[in-house]
Amino acid sequence: MATEVPGGTPLPEENNENTDNGSYTGENIKILEGLEAVRLRPAMYIGSTGEMGLHHLVYEVVDNSVDEALAGYAKKIEVTIHVDNSVTVVDDGRGIPVDLMTLPTGEKMPAVQVVLTKLHAGGKFDASTYKVSGGLHGVGVSCVNGLSQEFNVEIWRDGHTWEMDFSCGAPTSELRQAGISKRRGTKVHFLPDKSIFTVTEFNYDTLPSACARWPSSTRVSKSR
């Protein structure tokens, strides 16, 4: 006998012989670690895997530099689109922190690795760090990392140069001190993953014009 649901449709009669629950068990519940979710469903994070999503990768990286400029710490931002359709973004801001952080699990990890590999990690949640900010707030640059077959970061701060490399969101090197420098700022270089995007060539005619929010000091160029 069917069961009537108030305001709804009757439920089907109970079938005592059907005990497999439609084969829906705990084995069907998947827990995605790190940036696996971003790679599995990229459009949820950047809108699409076409030209719009491809360009969105650039916006997310540049937005971090723009936030440094809006906070008064960066005066120059350079964006270069290379012939292999990789992108380099350089600013003269404070540089992503490199000190060791203790995660809730007790694991210790360089702050830059946390920022680039953990969703919802970043300085934009701290009102004292950024009064005004854009982008995906702790998701953006880690998404770019997760959707790039090559991702390299170079940081100048505290009198040193620091470097770290990634591929598809996973570290391929340890954070390393690469020398002494009086510079400060961050350089990000990334190559979008061709296995994810349906469009892999940046449209240089539309990309700069879509960046009205960027400060006038931002320079966009195309290497030849």
N, C-alpha and C. Protein backbone atom coordinates (compact mmCIF):
# COMPACT_ATOMS: atom_id res chain seq x y z
N MET A 1 0.86 -1.20 0.00
CA MET A 1 0.00 0.00 0.00
C MET A 1 0.89 1.23 0.00
N ALA A 2 0.53 2.20 -0.85
CA ALA A 2 1.34 3.42 -0.96
C ALA A 2 1.13 4.30 0.25
N THR A 3 2.17 5.06 0.61
CA THR A 3 2.10 5.98 1.75
C THR A 3 1.89 7.39 1.22
N GLU A 4 0.92 8.09 1.76
CA GLU A 4 0.62 9.45 1.32
C GLU A 4 1.50 10.44 2.06
N VAL A 5 2.15 11.32 1.31
CA VAL A 5 2.96 12.37 1.89
C VAL A 5 2.16 13.66 1.84
N PRO A 6 1.94 14.33 2.98
CA PRO A 6 1.13 15.56 2.99
C PRO A 6 1.65 16.57 1.97
N GLY A 7 0.77 17.00 1.07
CA GLY A 7 1.14 18.01 0.09
C GLY A 7 2.01 17.47 -1.02
N GLY A 8 2.23 16.17 -1.06
CA GLY A 8 3.11 15.63 -2.07
C GLY A 8 2.50 14.45 -2.77
N THR A 9 3.33 13.69 -3.46
CA THR A 9 2.84 12.52 -4.17
C THR A 9 3.03 11.29 -3.31
N PRO A 10 2.21 10.26 -3.52
CA PRO A 10 2.33 9.03 -2.71
C PRO A 10 3.68 8.38 -2.93
N LEU A 11 4.23 7.84 -1.87
CA LEU A 11 5.46 7.07 -1.98
C LEU A 11 5.13 5.69 -2.51
N PRO A 12 6.04 5.08 -3.26
CA PRO A 12 5.77 3.75 -3.77
C PRO A 12 5.66 2.75 -2.64
N GLU A 13 4.95 1.65 -2.90
CA GLU A 13 4.81 0.61 -1.90
C GLU A 13 6.16 0.04 -1.52
N GLU A 14 6.30 -0.27 -0.26
CA GLU A 14 7.56 -0.81 0.24
C GLU A 14 7.79 -2.19 -0.35
N ASN A 15 8.99 -2.37 -0.84
CA ASN A 15 9.36 -3.66 -1.42
C ASN A 15 10.37 -4.31 -0.51
N ASN A 16 9.91 -5.26 0.29
CA ASN A 16 10.79 -5.88 1.26
C ASN A 16 11.90 -6.70 0.62
N GLU A 17 11.71 -7.05 -0.66
CA GLU A 17 12.72 -7.85 -1.34
C GLU A 17 13.88 -7.00 -1.83
N ASN A 18 13.67 -5.68 -1.95
CA ASN A 18 14.72 -4.79 -2.46
C ASN A 18 15.48 -4.21 -1.28
N THR A 19 16.60 -4.80 -0.94
CA THR A 19 17.36 -4.38 0.24
C THR A 19 18.71 -3.77 -0.11
N ASP A 20 18.97 -3.54 -1.44
CA ASP A 20 20.27 -3.00 -1.82
C ASP A 20 20.30 -1.48 -1.85
N ASN A 21 19.14 -0.83 -1.53
CA ASN A 21 19.05 0.64 -1.52
C ASN A 21 19.55 1.26 -2.82
N GLY A 22 19.26 0.59 -3.94
CA GLY A 22 19.70 1.13 -5.22
C GLY A 22 21.20 1.12 -5.37
N SER A 23 21.87 0.26 -4.65
CA SER A 23 23.34 0.16 -4.70
C SER A 23 24.00 1.46 -4.27
N TYR A 24 23.32 2.21 -3.42
CA TYR A 24 23.87 3.48 -2.92
C TYR A 24 24.30 3.27 -1.48
N THR A 25 25.61 3.10 -1.27
CA THR A 25 26.15 2.83 0.05
C THR A 25 27.31 3.77 0.33
N GLY A 26 27.94 3.58 1.47
CA GLY A 26 29.09 4.40 1.82
C GLY A 26 30.21 4.31 0.81
N GLU A 27 30.25 3.22 0.05
CA GLU A 27 31.29 3.08 -0.97
C GLU A 27 31.12 4.07 -2.10
N ASN A 28 29.90 4.62 -2.22
CA ASN A 28 29.64 5.61 -3.27
C ASN A 28 30.02 7.02 -2.86
N ILE A 29 30.34 7.21 -1.60
CA ILE A 29 30.71 8.53 -1.11
C ILE A 29 32.21 8.73 -1.30
N LYS A 30 32.56 9.75 -2.08
CA LYS A 30 33.96 10.01 -2.39
C LYS A 30 34.46 11.24 -1.66
N ILE A 31 35.61 11.15 -1.11
CA ILE A 31 36.26 12.28 -0.46
C ILE A 31 37.44 12.69 -1.32
N LEU A 32 37.36 13.88 -1.90
CA LEU A 32 38.42 14.37 -2.77
C LEU A 32 39.42 15.16 -1.95
N GLU A 33 40.67 14.81 -2.04
CA GLU A 33 41.72 15.47 -1.28
C GLU A 33 42.38 16.57 -2.11
N GLY A 34 42.89 17.58 -1.42
CA GLY A 34 43.64 18.62 -2.10
C GLY A 34 42.82 19.32 -3.17
N LEU A 35 43.38 19.39 -4.38
CA LEU A 35 42.72 20.10 -5.47
C LEU A 35 42.06 19.14 -6.45
N GLU A 36 41.81 17.91 -6.02
CA GLU A 36 41.17 16.93 -6.90
C GLU A 36 39.79 17.42 -7.35
N ALA A 37 39.04 18.05 -6.44
CA ALA A 37 37.70 18.52 -6.78
C ALA A 37 37.75 19.58 -7.87
N VAL A 38 38.75 20.44 -7.82
CA VAL A 38 38.91 21.49 -8.82
C VAL A 38 39.18 20.87 -10.18
N ARG A 39 40.02 19.87 -10.22
CA ARG A 39 40.35 19.22 -11.49
C ARG A 39 39.18 18.40 -12.02
N LEU A 40 38.38 17.85 -11.12
CA LEU A 40 37.24 17.04 -11.54
C LEU A 40 36.08 17.90 -12.04
N ARG A 41 35.84 19.04 -11.38
CA ARG A 41 34.74 19.93 -11.75
C ARG A 41 35.25 21.37 -11.88
N PRO A 42 36.13 21.64 -12.83
CA PRO A 42 36.73 22.98 -12.93
C PRO A 42 35.72 24.11 -13.15
N ALA A 43 34.66 23.84 -13.90
CA ALA A 43 33.69 24.89 -14.20
C ALA A 43 32.99 25.41 -12.95
N MET A 44 32.92 24.61 -11.88
CA MET A 44 32.33 25.06 -10.63
C MET A 44 33.14 26.20 -10.02
N TYR A 45 34.41 26.26 -10.35
CA TYR A 45 35.31 27.23 -9.70
C TYR A 45 35.67 28.40 -10.62
N ILE A 46 35.81 28.15 -11.92
CA ILE A 46 36.24 29.23 -12.82
C ILE A 46 35.24 29.51 -13.93
N GLY A 47 34.06 28.89 -13.87
CA GLY A 47 33.01 29.22 -14.82
C GLY A 47 32.91 28.35 -16.04
N SER A 48 34.03 27.98 -16.64
CA SER A 48 34.01 27.14 -17.83
C SER A 48 35.40 26.61 -18.10
N THR A 49 35.49 25.70 -19.06
CA THR A 49 36.81 25.22 -19.50
C THR A 49 37.12 25.76 -20.90
N GLY A 50 36.34 26.75 -21.33
CA GLY A 50 36.59 27.41 -22.60
C GLY A 50 37.41 28.67 -22.41
N GLU A 51 37.25 29.61 -23.34
CA GLU A 51 38.05 30.83 -23.29
C GLU A 51 37.80 31.63 -22.02
N MET A 52 36.54 31.69 -21.57
CA MET A 52 36.22 32.45 -20.36
C MET A 52 36.97 31.90 -19.16
N GLY A 53 36.96 30.58 -19.01
CA GLY A 53 37.66 29.97 -17.89
C GLY A 53 39.16 30.12 -18.00
N LEU A 54 39.68 29.99 -19.23
CA LEU A 54 41.11 30.15 -19.45
C LEU A 54 41.57 31.55 -19.04
N HIS A 55 40.83 32.55 -19.46
CA HIS A 55 41.16 33.93 -19.10
C HIS A 55 41.00 34.16 -17.60
N HIS A 56 40.03 33.45 -17.01
CA HIS A 56 39.80 33.62 -15.58
C HIS A 56 41.03 33.23 -14.76
N LEU A 57 41.82 32.28 -15.25
CA LEU A 57 43.06 31.92 -14.55
C LEU A 57 43.96 33.14 -14.40
N VAL A 58 44.07 33.93 -15.46
CA VAL A 58 44.91 35.13 -15.42
C VAL A 58 44.35 36.12 -14.41
N TYR A 59 43.03 36.32 -14.44
CA TYR A 59 42.42 37.29 -13.54
C TYR A 59 42.70 36.93 -12.08
N GLU A 60 42.63 35.64 -11.75
CA GLU A 60 42.81 35.23 -10.36
C GLU A 60 44.22 35.50 -9.86
N VAL A 61 45.21 35.23 -10.70
CA VAL A 61 46.59 35.48 -10.29
C VAL A 61 46.84 36.99 -10.18
N VAL A 62 46.38 37.73 -11.17
CA VAL A 62 46.59 39.18 -11.16
C VAL A 62 45.84 39.84 -10.02
N ASP A 63 44.67 39.32 -9.67
CA ASP A 63 43.89 39.90 -8.56
C ASP A 63 44.68 39.91 -7.26
N ASN A 64 45.50 38.89 -7.05
CA ASN A 64 46.33 38.88 -5.84
C ASN A 64 47.32 40.03 -5.86
N SER A 65 47.90 40.30 -7.03
CA SER A 65 48.83 41.42 -7.16
C SER A 65 48.10 42.75 -7.04
N VAL A 66 46.89 42.79 -7.60
CA VAL A 66 46.08 44.01 -7.51
C VAL A 66 45.75 44.32 -6.05
N ASP A 67 45.44 43.29 -5.29
CA ASP A 67 45.14 43.49 -3.86
C ASP A 67 46.34 44.07 -3.12
N GLU A 68 47.55 43.63 -3.50
CA GLU A 68 48.76 44.20 -2.91
C GLU A 68 48.88 45.68 -3.27
N ALA A 69 48.50 46.01 -4.51
CA ALA A 69 48.55 47.42 -4.94
C ALA A 69 47.49 48.25 -4.22
N LEU A 70 46.28 47.72 -4.09
CA LEU A 70 45.21 48.45 -3.41
C LEU A 70 45.53 48.65 -1.93
N ALA A 71 46.30 47.73 -1.37
CA ALA A 71 46.69 47.85 0.04
C ALA A 71 47.90 48.77 0.21
N GLY A 72 48.46 49.24 -0.91
CA GLY A 72 49.56 50.19 -0.85
C GLY A 72 50.95 49.57 -0.81
N TYR A 73 51.05 48.27 -1.11
CA TYR A 73 52.34 47.59 -1.01
C TYR A 73 53.00 47.32 -2.35
N ALA A 74 52.24 47.38 -3.44
CA ALA A 74 52.80 47.14 -4.78
C ALA A 74 52.54 48.35 -5.66
N LYS A 75 53.52 48.68 -6.48
CA LYS A 75 53.38 49.81 -7.39
C LYS A 75 53.42 49.38 -8.86
N LYS A 76 53.83 48.16 -9.10
CA LYS A 76 53.98 47.72 -10.49
C LYS A 76 53.55 46.27 -10.63
N ILE A 77 52.77 45.99 -11.66
CA ILE A 77 52.33 44.63 -11.98
C ILE A 77 52.60 44.39 -13.46
N GLU A 78 53.28 43.32 -13.78
CA GLU A 78 53.59 42.99 -15.17
C GLU A 78 52.98 41.63 -15.50
N VAL A 79 52.23 41.58 -16.59
CA VAL A 79 51.60 40.35 -17.06
C VAL A 79 52.16 40.04 -18.45
N THR A 80 52.71 38.86 -18.63
CA THR A 80 53.27 38.48 -19.93
C THR A 80 52.63 37.19 -20.41
N ILE A 81 52.11 37.22 -21.62
CA ILE A 81 51.56 36.03 -22.25
C ILE A 81 52.63 35.50 -23.21
N HIS A 82 53.11 34.30 -22.96
CA HIS A 82 54.22 33.76 -23.74
C HIS A 82 53.71 33.00 -24.98
N VAL A 83 54.63 32.74 -25.90
CA VAL A 83 54.26 32.09 -27.16
C VAL A 83 53.72 30.68 -26.94
N ASP A 84 54.09 30.03 -25.84
CA ASP A 84 53.57 28.69 -25.56
C ASP A 84 52.26 28.75 -24.78
N ASN A 85 51.67 29.98 -24.67
CA ASN A 85 50.43 30.22 -23.95
C ASN A 85 50.55 29.99 -22.45
N SER A 86 51.75 30.09 -21.95
CA SER A 86 51.93 30.19 -20.50
C SER A 86 51.88 31.67 -20.14
N VAL A 87 51.72 31.95 -18.86
CA VAL A 87 51.56 33.34 -18.40
C VAL A 87 52.48 33.58 -17.21
N THR A 88 53.08 34.76 -17.19
CA THR A 88 53.89 35.18 -16.05
C THR A 88 53.32 36.46 -15.48
N VAL A 89 53.12 36.48 -14.17
CA VAL A 89 52.63 37.68 -13.47
C VAL A 89 53.65 38.03 -12.40
N VAL A 90 54.13 39.26 -12.44
CA VAL A 90 55.15 39.72 -11.49
C VAL A 90 54.66 40.99 -10.82
N ASP A 91 54.82 41.07 -9.50
CA ASP A 91 54.51 42.31 -8.79
C ASP A 91 55.64 42.63 -7.83
N ASP A 92 55.62 43.85 -7.30
CA ASP A 92 56.64 44.26 -6.33
C ASP A 92 56.02 44.47 -4.96
N GLY A 93 55.08 43.58 -4.62
CA GLY A 93 54.42 43.65 -3.32
C GLY A 93 55.25 43.01 -2.22
N ARG A 94 54.60 42.55 -1.19
CA ARG A 94 55.30 42.01 -0.03
C ARG A 94 55.84 40.60 -0.24
N GLY A 95 55.32 39.90 -1.22
CA GLY A 95 55.73 38.51 -1.44
C GLY A 95 54.89 37.57 -0.60
N ILE A 96 54.48 36.44 -1.17
CA ILE A 96 53.71 35.46 -0.42
C ILE A 96 54.56 34.96 0.76
N PRO A 97 54.01 34.86 1.94
CA PRO A 97 54.79 34.37 3.10
C PRO A 97 55.37 32.98 2.86
N VAL A 98 56.54 32.75 3.41
CA VAL A 98 57.21 31.46 3.24
C VAL A 98 57.47 30.75 4.57
N ASP A 99 57.09 31.38 5.67
CA ASP A 99 57.35 30.77 6.98
C ASP A 99 56.50 29.51 7.17
N LEU A 100 56.94 28.64 8.06
CA LEU A 100 56.24 27.39 8.31
C LEU A 100 54.95 27.64 9.10
N MET A 101 53.88 26.98 8.66
CA MET A 101 52.60 27.02 9.36
C MET A 101 52.30 25.65 9.94
N THR A 102 51.58 25.63 11.04
CA THR A 102 51.12 24.36 11.61
C THR A 102 49.66 24.18 11.24
N LEU A 103 49.36 23.12 10.48
CA LEU A 103 48.00 22.85 10.05
C LEU A 103 47.20 22.21 11.19
N PRO A 104 45.88 22.20 11.07
CA PRO A 104 45.05 21.57 12.12
C PRO A 104 45.43 20.11 12.39
N THR A 105 46.00 19.45 11.38
CA THR A 105 46.42 18.06 11.56
C THR A 105 47.72 17.93 12.32
N GLY A 106 48.39 19.08 12.56
CA GLY A 106 49.69 19.05 13.22
C GLY A 106 50.84 19.08 12.24
N GLU A 107 50.53 18.89 10.95
CA GLU A 107 51.56 18.92 9.92
C GLU A 107 52.09 20.34 9.75
N LYS A 108 53.38 20.47 9.53
CA LYS A 108 53.98 21.78 9.27
C LYS A 108 54.23 21.93 7.77
N MET A 109 53.90 23.11 7.24
CA MET A 109 53.99 23.33 5.81
C MET A 109 54.29 24.81 5.55
N PRO A 110 55.14 25.13 4.56
CA PRO A 110 55.39 26.53 4.23
C PRO A 110 54.09 27.24 3.86
N ALA A 111 53.94 28.47 4.30
CA ALA A 111 52.71 29.22 4.04
C ALA A 111 52.39 29.30 2.56
N VAL A 112 53.40 29.46 1.72
CA VAL A 112 53.16 29.56 0.28
C VAL A 112 52.57 28.26 -0.25
N GLN A 113 52.99 27.12 0.28
CA GLN A 113 52.43 25.84 -0.15
C GLN A 113 50.98 25.71 0.28
N VAL A 114 50.67 26.21 1.47
CA VAL A 114 49.28 26.21 1.94
C VAL A 114 48.41 27.04 1.02
N VAL A 115 48.88 28.24 0.69
CA VAL A 115 48.13 29.15 -0.17
C VAL A 115 47.87 28.53 -1.53
N LEU A 116 48.85 27.79 -2.05
CA LEU A 116 48.76 27.29 -3.43
C LEU A 116 48.14 25.90 -3.55
N THR A 117 47.96 25.20 -2.43
CA THR A 117 47.43 23.84 -2.52
C THR A 117 46.18 23.60 -1.68
N LYS A 118 45.82 24.53 -0.82
CA LYS A 118 44.66 24.33 0.04
C LYS A 118 43.56 25.32 -0.33
N LEU A 119 42.36 24.80 -0.56
CA LEU A 119 41.23 25.69 -0.82
C LEU A 119 40.88 26.45 0.45
N HIS A 120 40.41 27.67 0.26
CA HIS A 120 39.99 28.53 1.38
C HIS A 120 41.15 28.80 2.33
N ALA A 121 42.31 29.07 1.75
CA ALA A 121 43.48 29.48 2.55
C ALA A 121 44.05 30.74 1.93
N GLY A 122 44.23 31.77 2.73
CA GLY A 122 44.78 33.01 2.21
C GLY A 122 44.63 34.14 3.19
N GLY A 123 45.25 35.27 2.85
CA GLY A 123 45.23 36.42 3.73
C GLY A 123 43.98 37.27 3.62
N LYS A 124 43.08 36.94 2.69
CA LYS A 124 41.91 37.78 2.48
C LYS A 124 40.81 37.55 3.51
N PHE A 125 40.98 36.53 4.36
CA PHE A 125 40.00 36.29 5.42
C PHE A 125 40.33 37.12 6.65
N ASP A 126 41.53 37.71 6.67
CA ASP A 126 41.99 38.51 7.79
C ASP A 126 41.79 39.98 7.44
N ALA A 127 40.84 40.63 8.08
CA ALA A 127 40.50 42.01 7.73
C ALA A 127 41.66 42.97 7.91
N SER A 128 42.63 42.61 8.75
CA SER A 128 43.76 43.50 8.98
C SER A 128 44.81 43.39 7.88
N THR A 129 44.73 42.33 7.06
CA THR A 129 45.71 42.14 5.99
C THR A 129 45.28 42.85 4.72
N TYR A 130 44.02 42.69 4.33
CA TYR A 130 43.49 43.35 3.14
C TYR A 130 42.16 44.00 3.48
N LYS A 131 42.09 45.33 3.36
CA LYS A 131 40.84 46.03 3.60
C LYS A 131 39.90 45.84 2.42
N VAL A 132 40.47 45.79 1.21
CA VAL A 132 39.71 45.59 -0.02
C VAL A 132 40.38 44.49 -0.80
N SER A 133 39.61 43.56 -1.34
CA SER A 133 40.22 42.48 -2.11
C SER A 133 39.23 41.93 -3.11
N GLY A 134 39.77 41.30 -4.15
CA GLY A 134 38.93 40.69 -5.18
C GLY A 134 39.29 39.23 -5.34
N GLY A 135 38.84 38.63 -6.44
CA GLY A 135 39.14 37.23 -6.69
C GLY A 135 38.24 36.29 -5.91
N LEU A 136 38.63 35.05 -5.87
CA LEU A 136 37.80 34.01 -5.25
C LEU A 136 38.13 33.77 -3.78
N HIS A 137 38.78 34.70 -3.13
CA HIS A 137 39.01 34.67 -1.69
C HIS A 137 39.48 33.32 -1.15
N GLY A 138 40.75 33.05 -1.36
CA GLY A 138 41.33 31.83 -0.81
C GLY A 138 41.14 30.61 -1.69
N VAL A 139 40.49 30.78 -2.83
CA VAL A 139 40.27 29.68 -3.75
C VAL A 139 41.00 29.91 -5.08
N GLY A 140 41.04 31.17 -5.50
CA GLY A 140 41.50 31.52 -6.83
C GLY A 140 42.85 30.99 -7.25
N VAL A 141 43.92 31.39 -6.55
CA VAL A 141 45.25 31.01 -7.01
C VAL A 141 45.51 29.52 -6.84
N SER A 142 44.88 28.90 -5.84
CA SER A 142 45.03 27.45 -5.69
C SER A 142 44.31 26.73 -6.83
N CYS A 143 43.20 27.29 -7.32
CA CYS A 143 42.53 26.72 -8.48
C CYS A 143 43.41 26.82 -9.72
N VAL A 144 44.06 27.95 -9.89
CA VAL A 144 44.98 28.12 -11.02
C VAL A 144 46.07 27.07 -10.96
N ASN A 145 46.61 26.86 -9.78
CA ASN A 145 47.63 25.83 -9.60
C ASN A 145 47.08 24.46 -9.96
N GLY A 146 45.89 24.15 -9.48
CA GLY A 146 45.30 22.84 -9.73
C GLY A 146 45.00 22.59 -11.19
N LEU A 147 44.77 23.66 -11.96
CA LEU A 147 44.40 23.52 -13.37
C LEU A 147 45.56 23.82 -14.31
N SER A 148 46.78 23.84 -13.77
CA SER A 148 47.97 24.11 -14.58
C SER A 148 48.89 22.90 -14.61
N GLN A 149 49.35 22.55 -15.80
CA GLN A 149 50.29 21.43 -15.89
C GLN A 149 51.67 21.83 -15.39
N GLU A 150 51.94 23.12 -15.42
CA GLU A 150 53.16 23.65 -14.82
C GLU A 150 52.80 24.91 -14.05
N PHE A 151 53.31 25.02 -12.84
CA PHE A 151 53.08 26.21 -12.02
C PHE A 151 54.34 26.43 -11.19
N ASN A 152 54.92 27.60 -11.34
CA ASN A 152 56.15 27.93 -10.62
C ASN A 152 55.97 29.26 -9.92
N VAL A 153 56.46 29.35 -8.71
CA VAL A 153 56.39 30.60 -7.96
C VAL A 153 57.78 30.99 -7.50
N GLU A 154 58.08 32.26 -7.64
CA GLU A 154 59.34 32.83 -7.16
C GLU A 154 59.00 34.02 -6.28
N ILE A 155 59.56 34.04 -5.09
CA ILE A 155 59.20 35.05 -4.09
C ILE A 155 60.46 35.77 -3.63
N TRP A 156 60.36 37.08 -3.56
CA TRP A 156 61.47 37.88 -3.02
C TRP A 156 60.98 38.56 -1.75
N ARG A 157 61.56 38.18 -0.64
CA ARG A 157 61.21 38.81 0.63
C ARG A 157 62.27 38.45 1.67
N ASP A 158 62.37 39.31 2.67
CA ASP A 158 63.28 39.10 3.80
C ASP A 158 64.72 38.90 3.35
N GLY A 159 65.08 39.56 2.22
CA GLY A 159 66.46 39.51 1.75
C GLY A 159 66.83 38.26 0.99
N HIS A 160 65.86 37.40 0.68
CA HIS A 160 66.15 36.15 -0.01
C HIS A 160 65.20 35.93 -1.18
N THR A 161 65.60 35.02 -2.06
CA THR A 161 64.74 34.55 -3.15
C THR A 161 64.31 33.12 -2.82
N TRP A 162 63.03 32.86 -2.96
CA TRP A 162 62.46 31.54 -2.66
C TRP A 162 61.76 31.02 -3.91
N GLU A 163 61.86 29.72 -4.16
CA GLU A 163 61.23 29.13 -5.33
C GLU A 163 60.54 27.82 -4.97
N MET A 164 59.47 27.51 -5.71
CA MET A 164 58.78 26.23 -5.52
C MET A 164 58.04 25.90 -6.81
N ASP A 165 57.96 24.61 -7.14
CA ASP A 165 57.35 24.16 -8.39
C ASP A 165 56.20 23.20 -8.11
N PHE A 166 55.21 23.22 -9.02
CA PHE A 166 54.03 22.39 -8.90
C PHE A 166 53.61 21.86 -10.27
N SER A 167 52.79 20.83 -10.26
CA SER A 167 52.17 20.32 -11.48
C SER A 167 50.81 19.76 -11.12
N CYS A 168 49.78 20.27 -11.78
CA CYS A 168 48.40 19.82 -11.53
C CYS A 168 48.03 19.94 -10.06
N GLY A 169 48.55 20.95 -9.39
CA GLY A 169 48.21 21.22 -8.01
C GLY A 169 49.07 20.55 -6.98
N ALA A 170 49.96 19.67 -7.40
CA ALA A 170 50.81 18.94 -6.45
C ALA A 170 52.24 19.46 -6.51
N PRO A 171 52.91 19.61 -5.38
CA PRO A 171 54.30 20.07 -5.39
C PRO A 171 55.21 19.08 -6.12
N THR A 172 56.09 19.59 -6.93
CA THR A 172 57.11 18.76 -7.58
C THR A 172 58.49 19.09 -7.04
N SER A 173 58.54 20.02 -6.10
CA SER A 173 59.80 20.36 -5.43
C SER A 173 59.48 20.88 -4.05
N GLU A 174 60.47 20.90 -3.20
CA GLU A 174 60.35 21.55 -1.90
C GLU A 174 60.55 23.05 -2.08
N LEU A 175 60.04 23.83 -1.14
CA LEU A 175 60.36 25.25 -1.13
C LEU A 175 61.86 25.39 -0.91
N ARG A 176 62.52 26.15 -1.76
CA ARG A 176 63.98 26.26 -1.67
C ARG A 176 64.40 27.72 -1.66
N GLN A 177 65.44 27.99 -0.91
CA GLN A 177 66.04 29.33 -0.90
C GLN A 177 67.03 29.37 -2.05
N ALA A 178 66.79 30.27 -3.00
CA ALA A 178 67.55 30.27 -4.24
C ALA A 178 68.59 31.38 -4.33
N GLY A 179 68.76 32.13 -3.28
CA GLY A 179 69.77 33.17 -3.32
C GLY A 179 69.39 34.36 -2.46
N ILE A 180 70.22 35.38 -2.54
CA ILE A 180 70.01 36.62 -1.79
C ILE A 180 69.50 37.68 -2.75
N SER A 181 68.56 38.47 -2.31
CA SER A 181 68.00 39.51 -3.16
C SER A 181 67.48 40.66 -2.33
N LYS A 182 67.62 41.85 -2.85
CA LYS A 182 67.07 43.04 -2.21
C LYS A 182 65.67 43.34 -2.73
N ARG A 183 65.23 42.59 -3.74
CA ARG A 183 63.90 42.79 -4.30
C ARG A 183 62.83 42.31 -3.32
N ARG A 184 61.62 42.69 -3.61
CA ARG A 184 60.48 42.12 -2.90
C ARG A 184 59.35 41.95 -3.91
N GLY A 185 58.53 40.95 -3.69
CA GLY A 185 57.42 40.70 -4.58
C GLY A 185 57.26 39.23 -4.90
N THR A 186 56.40 38.96 -5.86
CA THR A 186 56.08 37.59 -6.23
C THR A 186 56.01 37.46 -7.75
N LYS A 187 56.56 36.38 -8.26
CA LYS A 187 56.42 36.05 -9.68
C LYS A 187 55.75 34.68 -9.79
N VAL A 188 54.66 34.63 -10.52
CA VAL A 188 53.95 33.37 -10.77
C VAL A 188 54.00 33.09 -12.26
N HIS A 189 54.41 31.89 -12.61
CA HIS A 189 54.40 31.46 -14.01
C HIS A 189 53.59 30.17 -14.09
N PHE A 190 52.62 30.12 -15.00
CA PHE A 190 51.79 28.93 -15.10
C PHE A 190 51.43 28.61 -16.55
N LEU A 191 51.28 27.32 -16.81
CA LEU A 191 50.86 26.82 -18.13
C LEU A 191 49.59 26.02 -17.93
N PRO A 192 48.44 26.51 -18.43
CA PRO A 192 47.17 25.80 -18.24
C PRO A 192 47.25 24.36 -18.77
N ASP A 193 46.54 23.48 -18.08
CA ASP A 193 46.54 22.06 -18.43
C ASP A 193 45.72 21.83 -19.70
N LYS A 194 46.38 21.42 -20.76
CA LYS A 194 45.71 21.22 -22.05
C LYS A 194 44.71 20.07 -22.01
N SER A 195 44.82 19.18 -21.03
CA SER A 195 43.88 18.07 -20.94
C SER A 195 42.55 18.49 -20.32
N ILE A 196 42.49 19.70 -19.78
CA ILE A 196 41.28 20.19 -19.12
C ILE A 196 40.56 21.24 -19.96
N PHE A 197 41.29 22.13 -20.59
CA PHE A 197 40.67 23.24 -21.30
C PHE A 197 40.39 22.90 -22.76
N THR A 198 39.21 23.30 -23.22
CA THR A 198 38.84 23.09 -24.62
C THR A 198 39.46 24.16 -25.51
N VAL A 199 39.82 25.28 -24.90
CA VAL A 199 40.54 26.36 -25.59
C VAL A 199 41.85 26.54 -24.85
N THR A 200 42.97 26.49 -25.54
CA THR A 200 44.27 26.57 -24.88
C THR A 200 45.08 27.78 -25.31
N GLU A 201 44.50 28.64 -26.16
CA GLU A 201 45.22 29.82 -26.62
C GLU A 201 44.54 31.07 -26.10
N PHE A 202 45.29 31.92 -25.41
CA PHE A 202 44.74 33.16 -24.88
C PHE A 202 44.43 34.12 -26.03
N ASN A 203 43.32 34.80 -25.91
CA ASN A 203 42.92 35.80 -26.90
C ASN A 203 43.48 37.15 -26.45
N TYR A 204 44.60 37.52 -27.01
CA TYR A 204 45.27 38.74 -26.57
C TYR A 204 44.48 39.99 -26.93
N ASP A 205 43.57 39.89 -27.88
CA ASP A 205 42.78 41.06 -28.28
C ASP A 205 41.71 41.39 -27.24
N THR A 206 41.22 40.38 -26.53
CA THR A 206 40.15 40.63 -25.57
C THR A 206 40.61 40.58 -24.12
N LEU A 207 41.70 39.90 -23.85
CA LEU A 207 42.15 39.75 -22.46
C LEU A 207 42.45 41.07 -21.77
N PRO A 208 43.30 41.96 -22.33
CA PRO A 208 43.60 43.21 -21.62
C PRO A 208 42.39 44.10 -21.42
N SER A 209 41.50 44.17 -22.43
CA SER A 209 40.34 45.05 -22.34
C SER A 209 39.35 44.61 -21.28
N ALA A 210 39.43 43.34 -20.88
CA ALA A 210 38.51 42.81 -19.88
C ALA A 210 38.99 43.08 -18.46
N CYS A 211 40.11 43.76 -18.32
CA CYS A 211 40.74 43.92 -17.01
C CYS A 211 40.65 45.36 -16.52
N ALA A 212 39.46 45.94 -16.58
CA ALA A 212 39.29 47.35 -16.22
C ALA A 212 39.61 47.60 -14.75
N ARG A 213 39.49 46.58 -13.91
CA ARG A 213 39.73 46.75 -12.48
C ARG A 213 41.21 46.90 -12.17
N TRP A 214 42.07 46.44 -13.07
CA TRP A 214 43.50 46.49 -12.80
C TRP A 214 44.01 47.93 -12.78
N PRO A 215 44.92 48.23 -11.88
CA PRO A 215 45.47 49.60 -11.81
C PRO A 215 46.15 49.99 -13.12
N SER A 216 46.25 51.29 -13.35
CA SER A 216 46.89 51.78 -14.58
C SER A 216 48.35 51.39 -14.67
N SER A 217 48.95 51.04 -13.52
CA SER A 217 50.35 50.65 -13.51
C SER A 217 50.56 49.20 -14.00
N THR A 218 49.44 48.49 -14.26
CA THR A 218 49.54 47.10 -14.74
C THR A 218 49.89 47.11 -16.23
N ARG A 219 50.91 46.37 -16.58
CA ARG A 219 51.34 46.29 -17.98
C ARG A 219 51.16 44.88 -18.49
N VAL A 220 50.41 44.76 -19.58
CA VAL A 220 50.16 43.46 -20.20
C VAL A 220 50.89 43.41 -21.53
N SER A 221 51.70 42.39 -21.71
CA SER A 221 52.46 42.27 -22.95
C SER A 221 52.43 40.84 -23.44
N LYS A 222 52.80 40.67 -24.73
CA LYS A 222 52.83 39.36 -25.34
C LYS A 222 54.23 39.11 -25.86
N SER A 223 54.88 38.06 -25.37
CA SER A 223 56.25 37.76 -25.83
C SER A 223 56.18 37.14 -27.20
N ARG A 224 57.24 37.33 -27.99
CA ARG A 224 57.27 36.82 -29.36
C ARG A 224 58.48 35.91 -29.54
